[in-house]
Amino acid sequence: MRTYGSKIYFKILFFGTALAGKTTSLKWLYRNVIPEDMKITSEIRSIETSFGQTLLFDFTPIQISPHIVVRLFTATGQDYYLSTRRMLFEDADGIFFVVDCQKMELEHNREFVVEFRRYLDTIEKLRQAEVIVLYNKIDLEDTYPADELGEKLGLNGYPAFEISALKGINLRESFIVMIRRLLERLEQEARL
């Protein structure tokens, strides 16, 4: 959380493997959950490859009250952008860890859990961030159930939702929980 003038800014980051559904989740939320009067820009800012994969990050700000702005980012999952991902974790207040539930992605997911833990160890403020795990692609065949995959990845300590980024299953609910947690934290800090 940062304060500029009379406004408070929260930063939420969607993190996970390449093609896990980070951008798809953000786009679905932007189109289907965020009211028009909260959108600061008319579209999500993206730089994409010719086949739709995110380069560097996607970004959109939304204003949830006259004094609170939430900046939503996705971190690219391609390995050659590893150094830019670390920068996106700086000052993150909330993280949606998007996990691809397909069995063939288990090892790739494990690599990103290791990377995430490395950020937790080296970015002190990140330890205070709200983390919600989004188990994506539950509607596909040959996937792990969220609880089993969470155990395999060591992520069962975080709140979690089984989602379908394409269909929007549980995205609204997970977003509401994230915003509620951030606002509760703001309220607690105001009382101190």
N, C-alpha and C. Protein backbone atom coordinates (compact mmCIF):
# COMPACT_ATOMS: atom_id res chain seq x y z
N MET A 1 0.84 -1.16 0.00
CA MET A 1 0.00 0.00 0.00
C MET A 1 0.89 1.23 0.00
N ARG A 2 0.55 2.14 -0.88
CA ARG A 2 1.27 3.41 -0.94
C ARG A 2 0.26 4.54 -0.88
N THR A 3 0.69 5.65 -0.36
CA THR A 3 -0.17 6.82 -0.28
C THR A 3 0.47 7.95 -1.07
N TYR A 4 -0.32 8.55 -1.96
CA TYR A 4 0.09 9.74 -2.70
C TYR A 4 -1.01 10.76 -2.52
N GLY A 5 -0.69 11.88 -1.86
CA GLY A 5 -1.72 12.88 -1.60
C GLY A 5 -2.81 12.27 -0.74
N SER A 6 -4.04 12.37 -1.19
CA SER A 6 -5.17 11.84 -0.42
C SER A 6 -5.58 10.45 -0.88
N LYS A 7 -4.81 9.84 -1.81
CA LYS A 7 -5.18 8.53 -2.35
C LYS A 7 -4.27 7.42 -1.82
N ILE A 8 -4.89 6.27 -1.63
CA ILE A 8 -4.18 5.06 -1.22
C ILE A 8 -4.18 4.12 -2.42
N TYR A 9 -3.01 3.55 -2.71
CA TYR A 9 -2.86 2.66 -3.85
C TYR A 9 -2.49 1.26 -3.38
N PHE A 10 -3.27 0.28 -3.80
CA PHE A 10 -2.95 -1.12 -3.58
C PHE A 10 -2.45 -1.71 -4.89
N LYS A 11 -1.57 -2.70 -4.76
CA LYS A 11 -1.05 -3.39 -5.94
C LYS A 11 -1.35 -4.88 -5.80
N ILE A 12 -2.06 -5.43 -6.79
CA ILE A 12 -2.37 -6.86 -6.83
C ILE A 12 -1.70 -7.45 -8.05
N LEU A 13 -1.00 -8.56 -7.85
CA LEU A 13 -0.25 -9.21 -8.91
C LEU A 13 -0.79 -10.62 -9.16
N PHE A 14 -1.01 -10.96 -10.43
CA PHE A 14 -1.33 -12.32 -10.85
C PHE A 14 -0.02 -12.97 -11.26
N PHE A 15 0.35 -14.08 -10.61
CA PHE A 15 1.64 -14.73 -10.81
C PHE A 15 1.41 -16.21 -11.09
N GLY A 16 2.21 -16.80 -11.96
CA GLY A 16 2.13 -18.23 -12.24
C GLY A 16 2.85 -18.56 -13.53
N THR A 17 2.80 -19.82 -13.89
CA THR A 17 3.52 -20.31 -15.06
C THR A 17 2.98 -19.68 -16.35
N ALA A 18 3.74 -19.81 -17.41
CA ALA A 18 3.28 -19.36 -18.73
C ALA A 18 2.02 -20.14 -19.09
N LEU A 19 1.04 -19.45 -19.60
CA LEU A 19 -0.23 -20.02 -20.05
C LEU A 19 -1.07 -20.62 -18.91
N ALA A 20 -0.82 -20.19 -17.68
CA ALA A 20 -1.61 -20.69 -16.54
C ALA A 20 -2.99 -20.06 -16.49
N GLY A 21 -3.14 -18.87 -17.09
CA GLY A 21 -4.43 -18.19 -17.10
C GLY A 21 -4.45 -16.86 -16.37
N LYS A 22 -3.29 -16.26 -16.17
CA LYS A 22 -3.21 -14.98 -15.45
C LYS A 22 -3.91 -13.86 -16.22
N THR A 23 -3.52 -13.67 -17.47
CA THR A 23 -4.13 -12.61 -18.29
C THR A 23 -5.59 -12.91 -18.55
N THR A 24 -5.92 -14.16 -18.80
CA THR A 24 -7.31 -14.53 -19.04
C THR A 24 -8.16 -14.22 -17.80
N SER A 25 -7.64 -14.48 -16.61
CA SER A 25 -8.35 -14.16 -15.37
C SER A 25 -8.56 -12.66 -15.25
N LEU A 26 -7.50 -11.89 -15.46
CA LEU A 26 -7.61 -10.43 -15.36
C LEU A 26 -8.61 -9.89 -16.37
N LYS A 27 -8.53 -10.35 -17.59
CA LYS A 27 -9.47 -9.88 -18.63
C LYS A 27 -10.92 -10.23 -18.28
N TRP A 28 -11.14 -11.43 -17.76
CA TRP A 28 -12.50 -11.83 -17.41
C TRP A 28 -13.03 -10.92 -16.29
N LEU A 29 -12.21 -10.69 -15.27
CA LEU A 29 -12.61 -9.80 -14.18
C LEU A 29 -12.91 -8.40 -14.69
N TYR A 30 -12.05 -7.89 -15.55
CA TYR A 30 -12.21 -6.53 -16.07
C TYR A 30 -13.52 -6.39 -16.85
N ARG A 31 -13.82 -7.39 -17.66
CA ARG A 31 -15.03 -7.33 -18.49
C ARG A 31 -16.31 -7.64 -17.73
N ASN A 32 -16.25 -8.50 -16.72
CA ASN A 32 -17.45 -9.03 -16.10
C ASN A 32 -17.70 -8.65 -14.65
N VAL A 33 -16.70 -8.13 -13.97
CA VAL A 33 -16.85 -7.84 -12.54
C VAL A 33 -16.65 -6.35 -12.24
N ILE A 34 -15.67 -5.73 -12.84
CA ILE A 34 -15.34 -4.34 -12.54
C ILE A 34 -16.39 -3.43 -13.18
N PRO A 35 -17.14 -2.67 -12.38
CA PRO A 35 -18.12 -1.74 -12.96
C PRO A 35 -17.44 -0.65 -13.79
N GLU A 36 -18.12 -0.18 -14.80
CA GLU A 36 -17.55 0.84 -15.69
C GLU A 36 -17.09 2.08 -14.93
N ASP A 37 -17.83 2.49 -13.90
CA ASP A 37 -17.46 3.72 -13.18
C ASP A 37 -16.21 3.53 -12.30
N MET A 38 -15.73 2.30 -12.17
CA MET A 38 -14.49 2.06 -11.43
C MET A 38 -13.27 1.98 -12.35
N LYS A 39 -13.50 1.84 -13.63
CA LYS A 39 -12.39 1.69 -14.58
C LYS A 39 -11.76 3.05 -14.86
N ILE A 40 -10.47 3.15 -14.58
CA ILE A 40 -9.74 4.39 -14.82
C ILE A 40 -9.32 4.48 -16.29
N THR A 41 -9.03 3.33 -16.89
CA THR A 41 -8.68 3.28 -18.31
C THR A 41 -9.75 2.47 -19.05
N SER A 42 -9.83 2.68 -20.33
CA SER A 42 -10.87 1.99 -21.12
C SER A 42 -10.50 0.56 -21.46
N GLU A 43 -9.26 0.18 -21.22
CA GLU A 43 -8.82 -1.18 -21.52
C GLU A 43 -7.60 -1.55 -20.68
N ILE A 44 -7.31 -2.83 -20.65
CA ILE A 44 -6.11 -3.33 -19.98
C ILE A 44 -4.92 -3.02 -20.88
N ARG A 45 -3.89 -2.49 -20.29
CA ARG A 45 -2.66 -2.21 -21.05
C ARG A 45 -1.85 -3.49 -21.16
N SER A 46 -1.56 -3.92 -22.37
CA SER A 46 -0.85 -5.17 -22.60
C SER A 46 0.12 -5.03 -23.76
N ILE A 47 1.18 -5.77 -23.66
CA ILE A 47 2.07 -5.99 -24.79
C ILE A 47 2.09 -7.49 -24.97
N GLU A 48 1.63 -7.96 -26.13
CA GLU A 48 1.48 -9.40 -26.35
C GLU A 48 2.27 -9.85 -27.57
N THR A 49 2.58 -11.14 -27.59
CA THR A 49 3.16 -11.76 -28.77
C THR A 49 2.07 -11.88 -29.83
N SER A 50 2.45 -12.27 -31.02
CA SER A 50 1.46 -12.42 -32.11
C SER A 50 0.44 -13.51 -31.81
N PHE A 51 0.74 -14.43 -30.88
CA PHE A 51 -0.22 -15.48 -30.53
C PHE A 51 -0.85 -15.25 -29.17
N GLY A 52 -0.77 -14.00 -28.64
CA GLY A 52 -1.52 -13.62 -27.46
C GLY A 52 -0.86 -13.83 -26.11
N GLN A 53 0.40 -14.23 -26.07
CA GLN A 53 1.09 -14.40 -24.80
C GLN A 53 1.60 -13.05 -24.31
N THR A 54 1.53 -12.82 -23.00
CA THR A 54 1.96 -11.56 -22.42
C THR A 54 3.48 -11.42 -22.47
N LEU A 55 3.94 -10.24 -22.88
CA LEU A 55 5.35 -9.87 -22.77
C LEU A 55 5.47 -8.89 -21.62
N LEU A 56 6.33 -9.13 -20.70
CA LEU A 56 6.59 -8.31 -19.52
C LEU A 56 5.42 -8.34 -18.53
N PHE A 57 4.31 -7.63 -18.79
CA PHE A 57 3.17 -7.63 -17.87
C PHE A 57 1.96 -7.00 -18.54
N ASP A 58 0.78 -7.23 -17.92
CA ASP A 58 -0.45 -6.52 -18.25
C ASP A 58 -0.73 -5.60 -17.07
N PHE A 59 -1.49 -4.53 -17.31
CA PHE A 59 -1.76 -3.59 -16.23
C PHE A 59 -3.08 -2.88 -16.45
N THR A 60 -3.81 -2.69 -15.36
CA THR A 60 -4.97 -1.81 -15.36
C THR A 60 -5.22 -1.31 -13.94
N PRO A 61 -5.52 -0.02 -13.79
CA PRO A 61 -5.91 0.49 -12.49
C PRO A 61 -7.43 0.60 -12.39
N ILE A 62 -7.95 0.39 -11.19
CA ILE A 62 -9.37 0.61 -10.95
C ILE A 62 -9.51 1.44 -9.68
N GLN A 63 -10.55 2.24 -9.61
CA GLN A 63 -10.78 3.09 -8.43
C GLN A 63 -11.98 2.55 -7.69
N ILE A 64 -11.73 1.96 -6.51
CA ILE A 64 -12.83 1.32 -5.78
C ILE A 64 -13.54 2.28 -4.83
N SER A 65 -12.94 3.45 -4.59
CA SER A 65 -13.58 4.51 -3.82
C SER A 65 -12.89 5.82 -4.22
N PRO A 66 -13.41 6.95 -3.79
CA PRO A 66 -12.74 8.21 -4.17
C PRO A 66 -11.29 8.30 -3.72
N HIS A 67 -10.93 7.52 -2.70
CA HIS A 67 -9.57 7.62 -2.16
C HIS A 67 -8.75 6.34 -2.29
N ILE A 68 -9.31 5.29 -2.92
CA ILE A 68 -8.58 4.01 -3.02
C ILE A 68 -8.52 3.54 -4.46
N VAL A 69 -7.29 3.33 -4.94
CA VAL A 69 -7.03 2.83 -6.29
C VAL A 69 -6.34 1.48 -6.17
N VAL A 70 -6.80 0.51 -6.95
CA VAL A 70 -6.18 -0.80 -7.00
C VAL A 70 -5.53 -0.95 -8.36
N ARG A 71 -4.23 -1.22 -8.36
CA ARG A 71 -3.49 -1.44 -9.61
C ARG A 71 -3.33 -2.94 -9.80
N LEU A 72 -3.85 -3.46 -10.89
CA LEU A 72 -3.82 -4.90 -11.18
C LEU A 72 -2.76 -5.18 -12.24
N PHE A 73 -1.86 -6.11 -11.93
CA PHE A 73 -0.78 -6.49 -12.83
C PHE A 73 -0.81 -8.00 -13.05
N THR A 74 -0.34 -8.45 -14.21
CA THR A 74 0.01 -9.85 -14.40
C THR A 74 1.51 -9.91 -14.65
N ALA A 75 2.15 -10.95 -14.15
CA ALA A 75 3.57 -11.17 -14.41
C ALA A 75 3.69 -12.24 -15.49
N THR A 76 4.48 -11.97 -16.49
CA THR A 76 4.66 -12.96 -17.55
C THR A 76 5.26 -14.24 -16.98
N GLY A 77 4.90 -15.37 -17.57
CA GLY A 77 5.40 -16.65 -17.08
C GLY A 77 6.60 -17.18 -17.84
N GLN A 78 6.98 -16.50 -18.93
CA GLN A 78 8.11 -17.00 -19.70
C GLN A 78 9.41 -16.83 -18.93
N ASP A 79 10.26 -17.85 -18.96
CA ASP A 79 11.50 -17.85 -18.19
C ASP A 79 12.45 -16.73 -18.56
N TYR A 80 12.45 -16.30 -19.81
CA TYR A 80 13.41 -15.27 -20.19
C TYR A 80 13.03 -13.89 -19.67
N TYR A 81 11.89 -13.76 -18.97
CA TYR A 81 11.53 -12.50 -18.33
C TYR A 81 11.61 -12.61 -16.80
N LEU A 82 12.39 -13.55 -16.31
CA LEU A 82 12.52 -13.80 -14.88
C LEU A 82 12.89 -12.53 -14.11
N SER A 83 13.82 -11.74 -14.63
CA SER A 83 14.27 -10.54 -13.90
C SER A 83 13.16 -9.50 -13.79
N THR A 84 12.27 -9.42 -14.76
CA THR A 84 11.18 -8.45 -14.66
C THR A 84 10.12 -8.90 -13.65
N ARG A 85 9.95 -10.20 -13.48
CA ARG A 85 8.97 -10.68 -12.51
C ARG A 85 9.32 -10.21 -11.10
N ARG A 86 10.58 -10.29 -10.75
CA ARG A 86 10.98 -9.87 -9.41
C ARG A 86 10.60 -8.42 -9.16
N MET A 87 10.79 -7.55 -10.15
CA MET A 87 10.43 -6.14 -10.00
C MET A 87 8.94 -5.97 -9.74
N LEU A 88 8.11 -6.80 -10.36
CA LEU A 88 6.67 -6.69 -10.17
C LEU A 88 6.24 -7.07 -8.75
N PHE A 89 7.03 -7.89 -8.08
CA PHE A 89 6.70 -8.27 -6.71
C PHE A 89 6.96 -7.16 -5.70
N GLU A 90 7.81 -6.21 -6.07
CA GLU A 90 8.09 -5.09 -5.17
C GLU A 90 6.78 -4.35 -4.89
N ASP A 91 6.51 -4.08 -3.64
CA ASP A 91 5.33 -3.32 -3.20
C ASP A 91 4.00 -4.01 -3.51
N ALA A 92 4.00 -5.32 -3.75
CA ALA A 92 2.73 -6.03 -3.98
C ALA A 92 2.00 -6.19 -2.64
N ASP A 93 0.74 -5.82 -2.64
CA ASP A 93 -0.10 -5.97 -1.44
C ASP A 93 -0.90 -7.26 -1.49
N GLY A 94 -1.18 -7.72 -2.70
CA GLY A 94 -1.93 -8.95 -2.88
C GLY A 94 -1.40 -9.73 -4.06
N ILE A 95 -1.41 -11.05 -3.92
CA ILE A 95 -0.93 -11.92 -5.00
C ILE A 95 -1.96 -13.00 -5.26
N PHE A 96 -2.36 -13.10 -6.50
CA PHE A 96 -3.13 -14.25 -6.96
C PHE A 96 -2.11 -15.20 -7.58
N PHE A 97 -1.84 -16.31 -6.93
CA PHE A 97 -0.91 -17.31 -7.46
C PHE A 97 -1.77 -18.24 -8.33
N VAL A 98 -1.63 -18.12 -9.64
CA VAL A 98 -2.44 -18.89 -10.58
C VAL A 98 -1.70 -20.18 -10.91
N VAL A 99 -2.31 -21.31 -10.55
CA VAL A 99 -1.72 -22.62 -10.75
C VAL A 99 -2.47 -23.34 -11.86
N ASP A 100 -1.74 -23.89 -12.81
CA ASP A 100 -2.33 -24.69 -13.88
C ASP A 100 -2.52 -26.12 -13.33
N CYS A 101 -3.77 -26.55 -13.21
CA CYS A 101 -4.08 -27.85 -12.58
C CYS A 101 -3.81 -29.06 -13.47
N GLN A 102 -3.41 -28.85 -14.71
CA GLN A 102 -3.15 -29.98 -15.59
C GLN A 102 -1.96 -30.78 -15.04
N LYS A 103 -2.12 -32.10 -15.02
CA LYS A 103 -1.07 -32.96 -14.45
C LYS A 103 0.27 -32.77 -15.14
N MET A 104 0.26 -32.50 -16.43
CA MET A 104 1.52 -32.33 -17.16
C MET A 104 2.27 -31.06 -16.75
N GLU A 105 1.63 -30.17 -15.98
CA GLU A 105 2.26 -28.91 -15.56
C GLU A 105 2.81 -28.95 -14.14
N LEU A 106 2.77 -30.12 -13.49
CA LEU A 106 3.19 -30.22 -12.09
C LEU A 106 4.60 -29.68 -11.86
N GLU A 107 5.56 -30.12 -12.62
CA GLU A 107 6.95 -29.69 -12.41
C GLU A 107 7.12 -28.21 -12.68
N HIS A 108 6.46 -27.71 -13.70
CA HIS A 108 6.53 -26.29 -14.01
C HIS A 108 5.94 -25.47 -12.85
N ASN A 109 4.82 -25.93 -12.30
CA ASN A 109 4.23 -25.26 -11.13
C ASN A 109 5.20 -25.28 -9.96
N ARG A 110 5.87 -26.40 -9.76
CA ARG A 110 6.85 -26.50 -8.65
C ARG A 110 7.96 -25.47 -8.80
N GLU A 111 8.42 -25.25 -10.02
CA GLU A 111 9.46 -24.25 -10.27
C GLU A 111 8.99 -22.87 -9.84
N PHE A 112 7.72 -22.58 -10.09
CA PHE A 112 7.20 -21.26 -9.73
C PHE A 112 6.96 -21.13 -8.23
N VAL A 113 6.67 -22.22 -7.55
CA VAL A 113 6.56 -22.19 -6.10
C VAL A 113 7.94 -21.87 -5.51
N VAL A 114 8.99 -22.49 -6.04
CA VAL A 114 10.36 -22.21 -5.58
C VAL A 114 10.68 -20.73 -5.81
N GLU A 115 10.33 -20.23 -6.99
CA GLU A 115 10.59 -18.82 -7.30
C GLU A 115 9.82 -17.91 -6.33
N PHE A 116 8.55 -18.23 -6.09
CA PHE A 116 7.73 -17.43 -5.17
C PHE A 116 8.34 -17.42 -3.77
N ARG A 117 8.79 -18.56 -3.29
CA ARG A 117 9.41 -18.63 -1.95
C ARG A 117 10.71 -17.82 -1.90
N ARG A 118 11.42 -17.81 -3.01
CA ARG A 118 12.65 -17.00 -3.07
C ARG A 118 12.30 -15.52 -2.90
N TYR A 119 11.22 -15.08 -3.54
CA TYR A 119 10.79 -13.68 -3.38
C TYR A 119 10.36 -13.41 -1.94
N LEU A 120 9.66 -14.35 -1.33
CA LEU A 120 9.24 -14.18 0.07
C LEU A 120 10.46 -14.03 0.99
N ASP A 121 11.53 -14.76 0.66
CA ASP A 121 12.75 -14.71 1.48
C ASP A 121 13.54 -13.42 1.27
N THR A 122 13.43 -12.80 0.10
CA THR A 122 14.30 -11.66 -0.22
C THR A 122 13.58 -10.32 -0.29
N ILE A 123 12.26 -10.32 -0.33
CA ILE A 123 11.49 -9.06 -0.37
C ILE A 123 10.67 -9.00 0.92
N GLU A 124 11.19 -8.29 1.90
CA GLU A 124 10.60 -8.31 3.24
C GLU A 124 9.13 -7.91 3.25
N LYS A 125 8.74 -6.88 2.53
CA LYS A 125 7.35 -6.41 2.53
C LYS A 125 6.40 -7.46 1.96
N LEU A 126 6.91 -8.33 1.11
CA LEU A 126 6.07 -9.35 0.47
C LEU A 126 5.50 -10.34 1.48
N ARG A 127 6.17 -10.51 2.58
CA ARG A 127 5.68 -11.45 3.61
C ARG A 127 4.36 -10.98 4.21
N GLN A 128 4.03 -9.72 4.06
CA GLN A 128 2.77 -9.17 4.58
C GLN A 128 1.66 -9.19 3.53
N ALA A 129 1.98 -9.56 2.30
CA ALA A 129 0.99 -9.53 1.22
C ALA A 129 -0.08 -10.60 1.43
N GLU A 130 -1.27 -10.30 1.00
CA GLU A 130 -2.35 -11.28 0.97
C GLU A 130 -2.10 -12.20 -0.22
N VAL A 131 -2.17 -13.49 -0.01
CA VAL A 131 -1.94 -14.46 -1.09
C VAL A 131 -3.17 -15.35 -1.20
N ILE A 132 -3.69 -15.46 -2.42
CA ILE A 132 -4.79 -16.37 -2.72
C ILE A 132 -4.36 -17.23 -3.90
N VAL A 133 -4.50 -18.53 -3.75
CA VAL A 133 -4.13 -19.46 -4.83
C VAL A 133 -5.36 -19.72 -5.69
N LEU A 134 -5.19 -19.57 -6.99
CA LEU A 134 -6.25 -19.84 -7.96
C LEU A 134 -5.87 -21.09 -8.74
N TYR A 135 -6.58 -22.18 -8.49
CA TYR A 135 -6.31 -23.44 -9.20
C TYR A 135 -7.13 -23.42 -10.49
N ASN A 136 -6.45 -23.11 -11.59
CA ASN A 136 -7.13 -22.89 -12.87
C ASN A 136 -7.20 -24.17 -13.71
N LYS A 137 -8.14 -24.16 -14.61
CA LYS A 137 -8.38 -25.22 -15.60
C LYS A 137 -9.03 -26.45 -14.98
N ILE A 138 -9.78 -26.25 -13.90
CA ILE A 138 -10.47 -27.36 -13.24
C ILE A 138 -11.49 -28.02 -14.13
N ASP A 139 -11.89 -27.32 -15.18
CA ASP A 139 -12.92 -27.84 -16.09
C ASP A 139 -12.33 -28.72 -17.18
N LEU A 140 -11.01 -28.88 -17.19
CA LEU A 140 -10.36 -29.73 -18.19
C LEU A 140 -10.17 -31.14 -17.65
N GLU A 141 -9.87 -32.07 -18.55
CA GLU A 141 -9.58 -33.44 -18.12
C GLU A 141 -8.10 -33.56 -17.74
N ASP A 142 -7.78 -34.63 -17.04
CA ASP A 142 -6.42 -34.94 -16.61
C ASP A 142 -5.81 -33.82 -15.76
N THR A 143 -6.59 -33.40 -14.75
CA THR A 143 -6.13 -32.37 -13.83
C THR A 143 -6.12 -32.92 -12.40
N TYR A 144 -5.35 -32.26 -11.54
CA TYR A 144 -5.35 -32.58 -10.12
C TYR A 144 -6.47 -31.81 -9.43
N PRO A 145 -7.12 -32.40 -8.44
CA PRO A 145 -8.02 -31.62 -7.59
C PRO A 145 -7.17 -30.60 -6.81
N ALA A 146 -7.76 -29.47 -6.48
CA ALA A 146 -7.02 -28.39 -5.83
C ALA A 146 -6.34 -28.82 -4.54
N ASP A 147 -7.04 -29.57 -3.69
CA ASP A 147 -6.43 -29.95 -2.41
C ASP A 147 -5.21 -30.85 -2.60
N GLU A 148 -5.30 -31.78 -3.55
CA GLU A 148 -4.16 -32.66 -3.82
C GLU A 148 -2.99 -31.88 -4.42
N LEU A 149 -3.29 -31.00 -5.36
CA LEU A 149 -2.23 -30.21 -5.98
C LEU A 149 -1.62 -29.24 -4.97
N GLY A 150 -2.46 -28.66 -4.13
CA GLY A 150 -1.95 -27.77 -3.08
C GLY A 150 -0.98 -28.48 -2.15
N GLU A 151 -1.30 -29.74 -1.83
CA GLU A 151 -0.39 -30.53 -0.99
C GLU A 151 0.92 -30.82 -1.72
N LYS A 152 0.84 -31.21 -2.98
CA LYS A 152 2.04 -31.50 -3.77
C LYS A 152 2.94 -30.27 -3.90
N LEU A 153 2.32 -29.08 -3.95
CA LEU A 153 3.08 -27.85 -4.16
C LEU A 153 3.41 -27.13 -2.86
N GLY A 154 2.83 -27.57 -1.75
CA GLY A 154 3.06 -26.89 -0.48
C GLY A 154 2.33 -25.56 -0.37
N LEU A 155 1.18 -25.46 -1.01
CA LEU A 155 0.42 -24.21 -1.01
C LEU A 155 -0.87 -24.28 -0.20
N ASN A 156 -1.08 -25.36 0.54
CA ASN A 156 -2.35 -25.53 1.25
C ASN A 156 -2.55 -24.55 2.40
N GLY A 157 -1.55 -23.80 2.78
CA GLY A 157 -1.70 -22.83 3.86
C GLY A 157 -2.37 -21.54 3.43
N TYR A 158 -2.61 -21.37 2.15
CA TYR A 158 -3.21 -20.13 1.63
C TYR A 158 -4.67 -20.36 1.27
N PRO A 159 -5.49 -19.30 1.36
CA PRO A 159 -6.85 -19.42 0.85
C PRO A 159 -6.78 -19.79 -0.63
N ALA A 160 -7.74 -20.58 -1.09
CA ALA A 160 -7.68 -21.06 -2.48
C ALA A 160 -9.07 -21.16 -3.09
N PHE A 161 -9.09 -21.05 -4.41
CA PHE A 161 -10.31 -21.20 -5.20
C PHE A 161 -10.00 -22.05 -6.42
N GLU A 162 -10.88 -22.97 -6.73
CA GLU A 162 -10.81 -23.67 -8.01
C GLU A 162 -11.51 -22.78 -9.02
N ILE A 163 -10.81 -22.47 -10.12
CA ILE A 163 -11.36 -21.54 -11.10
C ILE A 163 -11.28 -22.09 -12.52
N SER A 164 -12.04 -21.47 -13.37
CA SER A 164 -11.86 -21.58 -14.81
C SER A 164 -11.76 -20.14 -15.31
N ALA A 165 -10.58 -19.73 -15.72
CA ALA A 165 -10.38 -18.36 -16.17
C ALA A 165 -11.21 -18.07 -17.42
N LEU A 166 -11.35 -19.06 -18.28
CA LEU A 166 -12.14 -18.86 -19.51
C LEU A 166 -13.62 -18.67 -19.22
N LYS A 167 -14.14 -19.42 -18.26
CA LYS A 167 -15.57 -19.37 -17.96
C LYS A 167 -15.89 -18.44 -16.79
N GLY A 168 -14.88 -17.99 -16.08
CA GLY A 168 -15.10 -17.10 -14.96
C GLY A 168 -15.52 -17.79 -13.68
N ILE A 169 -15.42 -19.10 -13.63
CA ILE A 169 -15.82 -19.83 -12.43
C ILE A 169 -14.98 -19.39 -11.24
N ASN A 170 -15.64 -18.89 -10.20
CA ASN A 170 -15.05 -18.47 -8.93
C ASN A 170 -14.11 -17.26 -9.01
N LEU A 171 -14.01 -16.61 -10.15
CA LEU A 171 -13.13 -15.43 -10.22
C LEU A 171 -13.72 -14.26 -9.45
N ARG A 172 -15.01 -14.01 -9.60
CA ARG A 172 -15.65 -12.92 -8.87
C ARG A 172 -15.46 -13.11 -7.36
N GLU A 173 -15.71 -14.33 -6.90
CA GLU A 173 -15.61 -14.64 -5.47
C GLU A 173 -14.19 -14.43 -4.95
N SER A 174 -13.20 -14.89 -5.70
CA SER A 174 -11.81 -14.75 -5.25
C SER A 174 -11.40 -13.28 -5.23
N PHE A 175 -11.86 -12.51 -6.20
CA PHE A 175 -11.53 -11.08 -6.26
C PHE A 175 -12.15 -10.35 -5.07
N ILE A 176 -13.39 -10.66 -4.75
CA ILE A 176 -14.06 -10.04 -3.60
C ILE A 176 -13.30 -10.35 -2.31
N VAL A 177 -12.87 -11.59 -2.14
CA VAL A 177 -12.12 -11.97 -0.94
C VAL A 177 -10.81 -11.18 -0.87
N MET A 178 -10.11 -11.04 -1.99
CA MET A 178 -8.85 -10.29 -1.99
C MET A 178 -9.09 -8.84 -1.61
N ILE A 179 -10.05 -8.19 -2.22
CA ILE A 179 -10.32 -6.78 -1.93
C ILE A 179 -10.75 -6.62 -0.47
N ARG A 180 -11.60 -7.52 0.00
CA ARG A 180 -12.04 -7.46 1.40
C ARG A 180 -10.85 -7.57 2.35
N ARG A 181 -9.93 -8.49 2.08
CA ARG A 181 -8.76 -8.66 2.95
C ARG A 181 -7.88 -7.40 2.96
N LEU A 182 -7.70 -6.80 1.79
CA LEU A 182 -6.87 -5.59 1.71
C LEU A 182 -7.54 -4.44 2.47
N LEU A 183 -8.84 -4.31 2.34
CA LEU A 183 -9.55 -3.23 3.05
C LEU A 183 -9.56 -3.46 4.55
N GLU A 184 -9.67 -4.72 4.97
CA GLU A 184 -9.60 -5.02 6.41
C GLU A 184 -8.23 -4.66 6.97
N ARG A 185 -7.19 -4.95 6.20
CA ARG A 185 -5.84 -4.60 6.64
C ARG A 185 -5.69 -3.08 6.75
N LEU A 186 -6.25 -2.36 5.79
CA LEU A 186 -6.20 -0.90 5.82
C LEU A 186 -6.93 -0.37 7.07
N GLU A 187 -8.06 -0.96 7.36
CA GLU A 187 -8.83 -0.56 8.54
C GLU A 187 -8.05 -0.84 9.82
N GLN A 188 -7.39 -1.99 9.91
CA GLN A 188 -6.58 -2.31 11.09
C GLN A 188 -5.43 -1.34 11.25
N GLU A 189 -4.77 -0.99 10.15
CA GLU A 189 -3.65 -0.04 10.23
C GLU A 189 -4.14 1.34 10.64
N ALA A 190 -5.33 1.71 10.23
CA ALA A 190 -5.87 3.03 10.59
C ALA A 190 -6.16 3.10 12.08
N ARG A 191 -6.47 1.96 12.70
CA ARG A 191 -6.77 1.93 14.14
C ARG A 191 -5.51 2.03 14.99
N LEU A 192 -4.36 1.69 14.42
CA LEU A 192 -3.10 1.70 15.20
C LEU A 192 -2.58 3.07 15.49
